[in-house]
Amino acid sequence: MSSSPSVDPLGRLIGMAYDAALMPELWHGVAQQMAKAFGGCSAILRFGSVQTGLAVISATDNMVLGQGHAELAKYWRANDWFSQAAVRNGVGHIANTRDLIEDARLRQSAYYNDWLRVLGIDKAVGGVLEVPEWGQVVIGVHRAPGTPHFEEKDVAWVSQWVRHLTQALYLQHRLGLLAGHQSLQDHLLAACGEAIFVIDEQLRILQATPAAERALRSARFLSSMQGRLHLRTVGVQQTLACAVKGLVGNDPGAACRLYLDDGNGARAMAAVSPLQASERSPAGGLALVHFCEADQRSIEPEQLKHLFALTSAEARVVARLAEGACVDSIALELKVQRNTVQAHLKKALSKTGTRRQVELVALVCRACLAS
């Protein structure tokens, strides 16, 4: 009497396939679970063809023969009668041996006498699948002489398993591409000589190049506080937070620049650009912060006076706004009232033909910092 798999062995087998898609080394144990789930003595899972070469994904130990059978194994795997008959029966269809050939004819064949008897196989269930990006995948579960044939219900169980197997193999391929792409990204960032941070909307540092880590350790212009990027220049941290929230999800060409100083005359710049949302931040977007410390040109008030016909006071306010300072910090720095700074800003907007502070800053940066 034929034995069909219970839900637990089949469920475990399906789970193993998806686990193996994430960790390919787990495929080694899948064939053993296949044999157990479908009441077989052995099982094999392989892909490829005679033209492209054959490769075993998973096989039970009794399917792996010693060196003395190497040539025999090479010949019969290249001339596998079961897989050839399965292709003729239809790629994607699962069948048992009795669907493909009569018992008497099989036992008279060289394939049976020279190969299957060596493996201890008398009957099988399986087929040939066409899996995206893998090509043809051969699956086989076998029983020994003296055991019952696989029946239609066994074919149905294996067909159910094959649907999950196909998805798992395709998933492994896609994850492999993503892992390879991420590995390349990581390698390029690691090799980059620039100080670059990848941060999320909460300013959490998700990745930093070696140069960026050195900048954090120096703590002159920026630091890490509870895993978040912190700009040390007065008033600029709030501007960074607003900039990241405003840029995330926008056109990747959008960007803003924040100008920093260490209090001793040294200056630096942090350019903030949006990134596409990714696996690293599934709930939100990312931003890239490019930090440059050396040789950064400042925005000089005198230059603004000549370019836009600003007064000295208006030019000082606009220059500090373009460098990342907020209205309150400028008022504190210039020792004037907040309303005075806002009045200078309003006049500067009118003279430059801009309507918002962000437009004014963008115009000033293009005019004064263009190469």
Protein backbone atom coordinates (compact mmCIF):
# COMPACT_ATOMS: atom_id res chain seq x y z
CA MET A 1 0.00 0.00 0.00
CA SER A 2 1.27 3.45 -0.95
CA SER A 3 2.02 5.98 1.75
CA SER A 4 1.33 9.64 1.14
CA PRO A 5 3.03 12.38 3.13
CA SER A 6 1.36 13.74 6.20
CA VAL A 7 0.95 17.49 6.48
CA ASP A 8 3.93 17.88 8.85
CA PRO A 9 6.64 16.28 6.62
CA LEU A 10 5.36 18.13 3.56
CA GLY A 11 5.02 21.39 5.47
CA ARG A 12 8.54 20.98 6.79
CA LEU A 13 9.78 20.32 3.25
CA ILE A 14 8.09 23.47 1.92
CA GLY A 15 9.56 25.51 4.77
CA MET A 16 13.02 24.08 4.10
CA ALA A 17 12.83 25.20 0.46
CA TYR A 18 12.09 28.81 1.40
CA ASP A 19 14.76 28.74 4.11
CA ALA A 20 17.24 27.44 1.52
CA ALA A 21 16.33 30.32 -0.79
CA LEU A 22 17.66 32.64 1.94
CA MET A 23 20.58 30.40 2.96
CA PRO A 24 21.61 28.19 -0.02
CA GLU A 25 23.74 25.92 2.15
CA LEU A 26 20.47 24.47 3.52
CA TRP A 27 19.67 22.83 0.15
CA HIS A 28 21.90 19.96 1.24
CA GLY A 29 19.21 18.59 3.54
CA VAL A 30 16.23 19.14 1.21
CA ALA A 31 16.61 15.84 -0.71
CA GLN A 32 16.58 13.84 2.51
CA GLN A 33 13.35 15.56 3.56
CA MET A 34 11.90 14.94 0.07
CA ALA A 35 12.50 11.20 0.46
CA LYS A 36 10.96 11.24 3.93
CA ALA A 37 7.93 13.32 2.94
CA PHE A 38 7.02 11.13 -0.05
CA GLY A 39 7.89 7.72 1.39
CA GLY A 40 10.97 7.18 -0.78
CA CYS A 41 14.39 5.63 -0.23
CA SER A 42 16.25 8.38 -2.11
CA ALA A 43 15.72 11.70 -3.89
CA ILE A 44 17.57 14.09 -6.13
CA LEU A 45 17.16 17.67 -7.27
CA ARG A 46 19.39 18.94 -10.07
CA PHE A 47 19.40 21.49 -12.85
CA GLY A 48 20.98 21.86 -16.27
CA SER A 49 21.03 19.78 -19.42
CA VAL A 50 23.47 17.68 -21.37
CA GLN A 51 24.31 20.78 -23.43
CA THR A 52 24.78 23.22 -20.54
CA GLY A 53 26.12 20.77 -17.97
CA LEU A 54 24.45 19.12 -15.00
CA ALA A 55 24.65 20.31 -11.41
CA VAL A 56 23.16 18.69 -8.33
CA ILE A 57 21.24 21.04 -6.05
CA SER A 58 20.49 18.38 -3.45
CA ALA A 59 20.71 14.57 -3.27
CA THR A 60 20.39 11.92 -0.59
CA ASP A 61 23.66 10.27 0.41
CA ASN A 62 22.87 7.01 -1.39
CA MET A 63 22.68 8.95 -4.68
CA VAL A 64 26.31 10.04 -4.35
CA LEU A 65 28.51 7.16 -5.52
CA GLY A 66 32.21 6.67 -4.91
CA GLN A 67 35.05 7.22 -7.36
CA GLY A 68 34.69 3.68 -8.74
CA HIS A 69 31.34 4.66 -10.27
CA ALA A 70 32.34 8.14 -11.52
CA GLU A 71 32.28 7.29 -15.22
CA LEU A 72 29.08 5.26 -14.87
CA ALA A 73 27.38 8.15 -13.04
CA LYS A 74 28.57 10.67 -15.64
CA TYR A 75 27.19 8.56 -18.50
CA TRP A 76 23.78 7.78 -17.04
CA ARG A 77 23.17 11.28 -15.69
CA ALA A 78 23.85 12.57 -19.19
CA ASN A 79 21.51 9.89 -20.55
CA ASP A 80 18.94 9.90 -17.76
CA TRP A 81 16.04 7.95 -19.23
CA PHE A 82 13.59 9.15 -16.58
CA SER A 83 14.21 12.86 -17.27
CA GLN A 84 14.17 12.32 -21.05
CA ALA A 85 10.83 10.48 -20.79
CA ALA A 86 9.52 13.22 -18.46
CA VAL A 87 10.35 15.89 -21.06
CA ARG A 88 8.47 13.92 -23.70
CA ASN A 89 5.57 13.64 -21.27
CA GLY A 90 5.55 17.42 -20.87
CA VAL A 91 7.78 19.86 -19.00
CA GLY A 92 6.13 20.79 -15.72
CA HIS A 93 4.11 17.56 -15.44
CA ILE A 94 4.76 15.21 -12.54
CA ALA A 95 4.47 11.48 -13.28
CA ASN A 96 5.37 8.08 -11.82
CA THR A 97 7.32 5.39 -13.67
CA ARG A 98 4.20 3.49 -14.66
CA ASP A 99 2.94 6.60 -16.48
CA LEU A 100 6.13 6.59 -18.55
CA ILE A 101 6.95 2.92 -19.18
CA GLU A 102 5.69 -0.55 -18.33
CA ASP A 103 7.52 -2.31 -15.49
CA ALA A 104 8.64 -5.20 -17.71
CA ARG A 105 10.16 -2.93 -20.33
CA LEU A 106 11.95 -0.85 -17.72
CA ARG A 107 13.52 -3.89 -16.07
CA GLN A 108 14.81 -5.13 -19.42
CA SER A 109 16.59 -1.86 -20.17
CA ALA A 110 20.30 -1.18 -19.72
CA TYR A 111 19.34 1.95 -17.80
CA TYR A 112 17.66 -0.18 -15.15
CA ASN A 113 20.23 -2.97 -15.01
CA ASP A 114 23.38 -0.87 -15.26
CA TRP A 115 22.30 2.14 -13.24
CA LEU A 116 19.07 1.92 -11.23
CA ARG A 117 20.01 -1.40 -9.65
CA VAL A 118 23.33 0.10 -8.53
CA LEU A 119 21.39 2.87 -6.79
CA GLY A 120 18.79 0.51 -5.35
CA ILE A 121 15.98 2.20 -7.30
CA ASP A 122 13.01 0.29 -8.71
CA LYS A 123 10.39 3.02 -9.20
CA ALA A 124 10.17 6.81 -9.12
CA VAL A 125 7.95 9.88 -9.19
CA GLY A 126 9.10 13.23 -10.54
CA GLY A 127 9.45 15.39 -13.58
CA VAL A 128 11.29 18.18 -15.34
CA LEU A 129 10.42 21.78 -14.48
CA GLU A 130 11.18 25.03 -16.26
CA VAL A 131 12.21 27.49 -13.56
CA PRO A 132 12.80 31.18 -14.42
CA GLU A 133 16.52 32.00 -14.50
CA TRP A 134 17.46 28.38 -13.68
CA GLY A 135 16.35 26.62 -16.85
CA GLN A 136 15.37 22.95 -16.57
CA VAL A 137 15.26 21.50 -13.07
CA VAL A 138 14.91 17.72 -12.58
CA ILE A 139 13.18 16.35 -9.49
CA GLY A 140 12.99 12.66 -8.59
CA VAL A 141 11.89 10.64 -5.56
CA HIS A 142 12.61 6.89 -5.63
CA ARG A 143 11.56 3.63 -4.00
CA ALA A 144 13.45 0.39 -3.63
CA PRO A 145 12.52 -3.05 -5.08
CA GLY A 146 9.67 -4.73 -3.21
CA THR A 147 8.00 -1.47 -2.17
CA PRO A 148 4.66 -0.16 -3.54
CA HIS A 149 4.47 1.98 -6.65
CA PHE A 150 3.84 5.66 -6.36
CA GLU A 151 0.15 6.34 -6.95
CA GLU A 152 -1.90 9.26 -8.26
CA LYS A 153 -2.22 10.79 -4.81
CA ASP A 154 1.58 10.74 -4.52
CA VAL A 155 1.78 12.55 -7.86
CA ALA A 156 -0.67 15.15 -6.50
CA TRP A 157 1.42 15.66 -3.36
CA VAL A 158 4.64 16.07 -5.35
CA SER A 159 2.90 18.50 -7.72
CA GLN A 160 1.90 20.60 -4.73
CA TRP A 161 5.49 20.60 -3.49
CA VAL A 162 6.83 21.53 -6.93
CA ARG A 163 4.86 24.79 -6.95
CA HIS A 164 6.65 25.88 -3.79
CA LEU A 165 9.99 24.57 -5.03
CA THR A 166 9.71 26.66 -8.21
CA GLN A 167 8.95 29.79 -6.19
CA ALA A 168 11.82 29.12 -3.78
CA LEU A 169 14.36 28.65 -6.60
CA TYR A 170 13.19 31.83 -8.31
CA LEU A 171 13.31 33.68 -4.99
CA GLN A 172 16.88 32.50 -4.41
CA HIS A 173 17.88 33.85 -7.81
CA ARG A 174 16.30 37.26 -7.14
CA LEU A 175 17.78 37.49 -3.67
CA GLY A 176 21.15 36.54 -5.11
CA LEU A 177 20.91 39.45 -7.54
CA LEU A 178 19.91 41.83 -4.77
CA ALA A 179 22.69 40.57 -2.50
CA GLY A 180 25.18 40.96 -5.33
CA HIS A 181 23.94 44.48 -6.05
CA GLN A 182 24.09 45.43 -2.35
CA SER A 183 27.56 43.89 -2.06
CA LEU A 184 28.71 46.04 -4.98
CA GLN A 185 27.17 49.15 -3.38
CA ASP A 186 28.91 48.39 -0.08
CA HIS A 187 32.21 47.79 -1.86
CA LEU A 188 31.98 51.07 -3.78
CA LEU A 189 31.14 53.04 -0.64
CA ALA A 190 33.95 51.36 1.28
CA ALA A 191 36.41 52.20 -1.51
CA CYS A 192 35.22 55.80 -1.77
CA GLY A 193 37.66 58.35 -0.42
CA GLU A 194 34.91 60.89 0.30
CA ALA A 195 33.05 61.32 3.57
CA ILE A 196 29.55 60.04 2.76
CA PHE A 197 26.72 59.10 5.12
CA VAL A 198 23.46 57.30 4.35
CA ILE A 199 20.80 58.39 6.85
CA ASP A 200 17.06 57.91 7.28
CA GLU A 201 14.36 60.48 8.08
CA GLN A 202 15.23 60.30 11.80
CA LEU A 203 18.87 61.13 10.89
CA ARG A 204 19.98 57.65 11.96
CA ILE A 205 23.29 56.71 10.32
CA LEU A 206 22.72 53.54 8.29
CA GLN A 207 26.06 53.53 6.53
CA ALA A 208 29.24 55.59 6.51
CA THR A 209 32.38 55.47 4.43
CA PRO A 210 35.76 55.23 6.19
CA ALA A 211 36.34 58.95 5.59
CA ALA A 212 32.95 59.74 7.15
CA GLU A 213 33.81 57.64 10.21
CA ARG A 214 37.06 59.57 10.58
CA ALA A 215 35.11 62.84 10.40
CA LEU A 216 32.84 61.59 13.18
CA ARG A 217 35.81 60.67 15.36
CA SER A 218 37.37 64.12 14.92
CA ALA A 219 34.08 65.70 16.09
CA ARG A 220 35.07 69.13 14.73
CA PHE A 221 32.00 69.70 12.57
CA LEU A 222 29.79 66.69 13.19
CA SER A 223 29.32 63.76 15.55
CA SER A 224 27.05 60.81 16.26
CA MET A 225 24.55 61.11 19.08
CA GLN A 226 22.61 57.92 19.87
CA GLY A 227 23.34 56.69 16.37
CA ARG A 228 22.07 59.88 14.70
CA LEU A 229 24.08 62.36 12.66
CA HIS A 230 24.59 65.60 14.57
CA LEU A 231 25.99 68.81 13.01
CA ARG A 232 27.76 70.86 15.64
CA THR A 233 27.34 74.35 14.11
CA VAL A 234 24.68 76.37 15.98
CA GLY A 235 21.29 76.26 14.28
CA VAL A 236 22.29 73.90 11.47
CA GLN A 237 21.04 70.66 13.08
CA GLN A 238 17.42 71.79 12.85
CA THR A 239 18.00 72.82 9.24
CA LEU A 240 19.41 69.35 8.48
CA ALA A 241 16.35 67.66 9.98
CA CYS A 242 14.00 69.86 7.97
CA ALA A 243 16.04 69.39 4.82
CA VAL A 244 16.02 65.59 5.07
CA LYS A 245 12.27 65.47 5.67
CA GLY A 246 11.71 67.82 2.75
CA LEU A 247 14.02 66.02 0.35
CA VAL A 248 13.11 62.40 1.06
CA GLY A 249 10.86 61.14 -1.69
CA ASN A 250 11.54 64.09 -3.98
CA ASP A 251 13.32 64.14 -7.30
CA PRO A 252 16.80 62.57 -6.87
CA GLY A 253 18.22 65.69 -8.52
CA ALA A 254 17.09 67.85 -5.61
CA ALA A 255 19.72 68.74 -3.01
CA CYS A 256 20.64 71.33 -0.45
CA ARG A 257 23.92 72.50 1.07
CA LEU A 258 24.60 73.22 4.73
CA TYR A 259 27.65 75.26 5.69
CA LEU A 260 29.46 74.51 8.92
CA ASP A 261 32.19 76.08 11.05
CA ASP A 262 34.13 74.78 14.04
CA GLY A 263 34.22 78.10 15.89
CA ASN A 264 37.90 78.65 15.06
CA GLY A 265 37.57 79.86 11.48
CA ALA A 266 37.61 76.47 9.79
CA ARG A 267 34.72 75.77 7.45
CA ALA A 268 33.04 72.73 5.89
CA MET A 269 29.99 71.79 3.86
CA ALA A 270 27.38 69.01 4.03
CA ALA A 271 25.47 68.41 0.79
CA VAL A 272 22.18 66.58 1.37
CA SER A 273 20.53 64.59 -1.43
CA PRO A 274 17.50 62.26 -1.41
CA LEU A 275 17.76 58.53 -2.11
CA GLN A 276 15.11 56.05 -3.16
CA ALA A 277 13.48 54.04 -0.34
CA SER A 278 15.07 50.60 -0.05
CA GLU A 279 15.17 47.36 1.93
CA ARG A 280 17.21 49.14 4.57
CA SER A 281 14.44 51.62 5.30
CA PRO A 282 11.17 49.99 4.23
CA ALA A 283 8.99 52.44 6.13
CA GLY A 284 10.52 55.62 4.76
CA GLY A 285 13.10 57.25 2.58
CA LEU A 286 16.83 57.74 2.81
CA ALA A 287 19.15 60.68 2.33
CA LEU A 288 22.80 60.86 1.37
CA VAL A 289 25.01 63.39 3.14
CA HIS A 290 28.30 64.28 1.45
CA PHE A 291 30.63 66.03 3.90
CA CYS A 292 33.57 68.11 2.65
CA GLU A 293 35.94 69.88 5.00
CA ALA A 294 38.83 71.14 2.90
CA ASP A 295 38.89 74.04 0.48
CA GLN A 296 35.23 75.00 0.71
CA ARG A 297 34.49 78.45 -0.67
CA SER A 298 32.37 80.58 1.59
CA ILE A 299 29.60 82.95 0.57
CA GLU A 300 30.92 86.45 1.09
CA PRO A 301 28.45 89.25 1.95
CA GLU A 302 30.38 91.67 -0.30
CA GLN A 303 29.75 89.38 -3.26
CA LEU A 304 26.03 89.32 -2.49
CA LYS A 305 25.91 93.11 -2.27
CA HIS A 306 27.26 93.44 -5.80
CA LEU A 307 25.26 90.58 -7.31
CA PHE A 308 21.84 91.45 -5.89
CA ALA A 309 22.14 95.08 -4.73
CA LEU A 310 21.70 94.11 -1.09
CA THR A 311 22.61 96.28 1.85
CA SER A 312 25.42 95.14 4.15
CA ALA A 313 22.93 93.95 6.78
CA GLU A 314 20.79 92.11 4.21
CA ALA A 315 23.88 90.48 2.69
CA ARG A 316 25.09 89.25 6.10
CA VAL A 317 21.70 87.67 6.82
CA VAL A 318 21.46 85.99 3.41
CA ALA A 319 25.04 84.69 3.63
CA ARG A 320 24.39 83.07 7.01
CA LEU A 321 21.07 81.61 5.82
CA ALA A 322 22.87 80.06 2.83
CA GLU A 323 25.44 78.61 5.21
CA GLY A 324 22.72 76.76 7.12
CA ALA A 325 21.99 79.07 10.02
CA CYS A 326 18.40 79.70 11.13
CA VAL A 327 16.76 83.08 11.79
CA ASP A 328 17.07 82.75 15.58
CA SER A 329 20.77 81.89 15.51
CA ILE A 330 21.48 84.77 13.10
CA ALA A 331 19.68 87.18 15.43
CA LEU A 332 21.76 85.89 18.34
CA GLU A 333 24.98 86.12 16.34
CA LEU A 334 24.31 89.66 15.01
CA LYS A 335 22.87 90.78 18.36
CA VAL A 336 19.63 92.07 16.84
CA GLN A 337 15.95 91.22 17.26
CA ARG A 338 14.42 88.30 15.40
CA ASN A 339 12.01 90.68 13.66
CA THR A 340 14.99 92.64 12.30
CA VAL A 341 16.45 89.51 10.69
CA GLN A 342 13.04 88.69 9.21
CA ALA A 343 12.76 92.20 7.80
CA HIS A 344 16.18 91.89 6.12
CA LEU A 345 15.12 88.52 4.71
CA LYS A 346 11.88 89.94 3.32
CA LYS A 347 13.77 92.71 1.49
CA ALA A 348 16.31 90.21 0.13
CA LEU A 349 13.50 88.03 -1.24
CA SER A 350 12.04 91.02 -3.02
CA LYS A 351 15.38 92.13 -4.51
CA THR A 352 16.27 88.62 -5.75
CA GLY A 353 12.82 87.86 -7.16
CA THR A 354 12.38 84.79 -4.94
CA ARG A 355 9.34 83.97 -2.82
CA ARG A 356 10.66 81.52 -0.23
CA GLN A 357 13.81 81.18 1.85
CA VAL A 358 14.71 77.87 0.20
CA GLU A 359 14.54 79.51 -3.25
CA LEU A 360 16.72 82.38 -2.06
CA VAL A 361 19.36 79.99 -0.65
CA ALA A 362 19.37 77.91 -3.83
CA LEU A 363 19.84 81.04 -5.96
CA VAL A 364 22.69 82.29 -3.78
CA CYS A 365 24.48 78.92 -3.81
CA ARG A 366 24.25 78.69 -7.60
CA ALA A 367 25.48 82.24 -8.04
CA CYS A 368 28.34 82.19 -5.53
CA LEU A 369 29.52 78.58 -5.48
CA ALA A 370 29.19 77.54 -9.11
CA SER A 371 32.46 76.23 -10.50
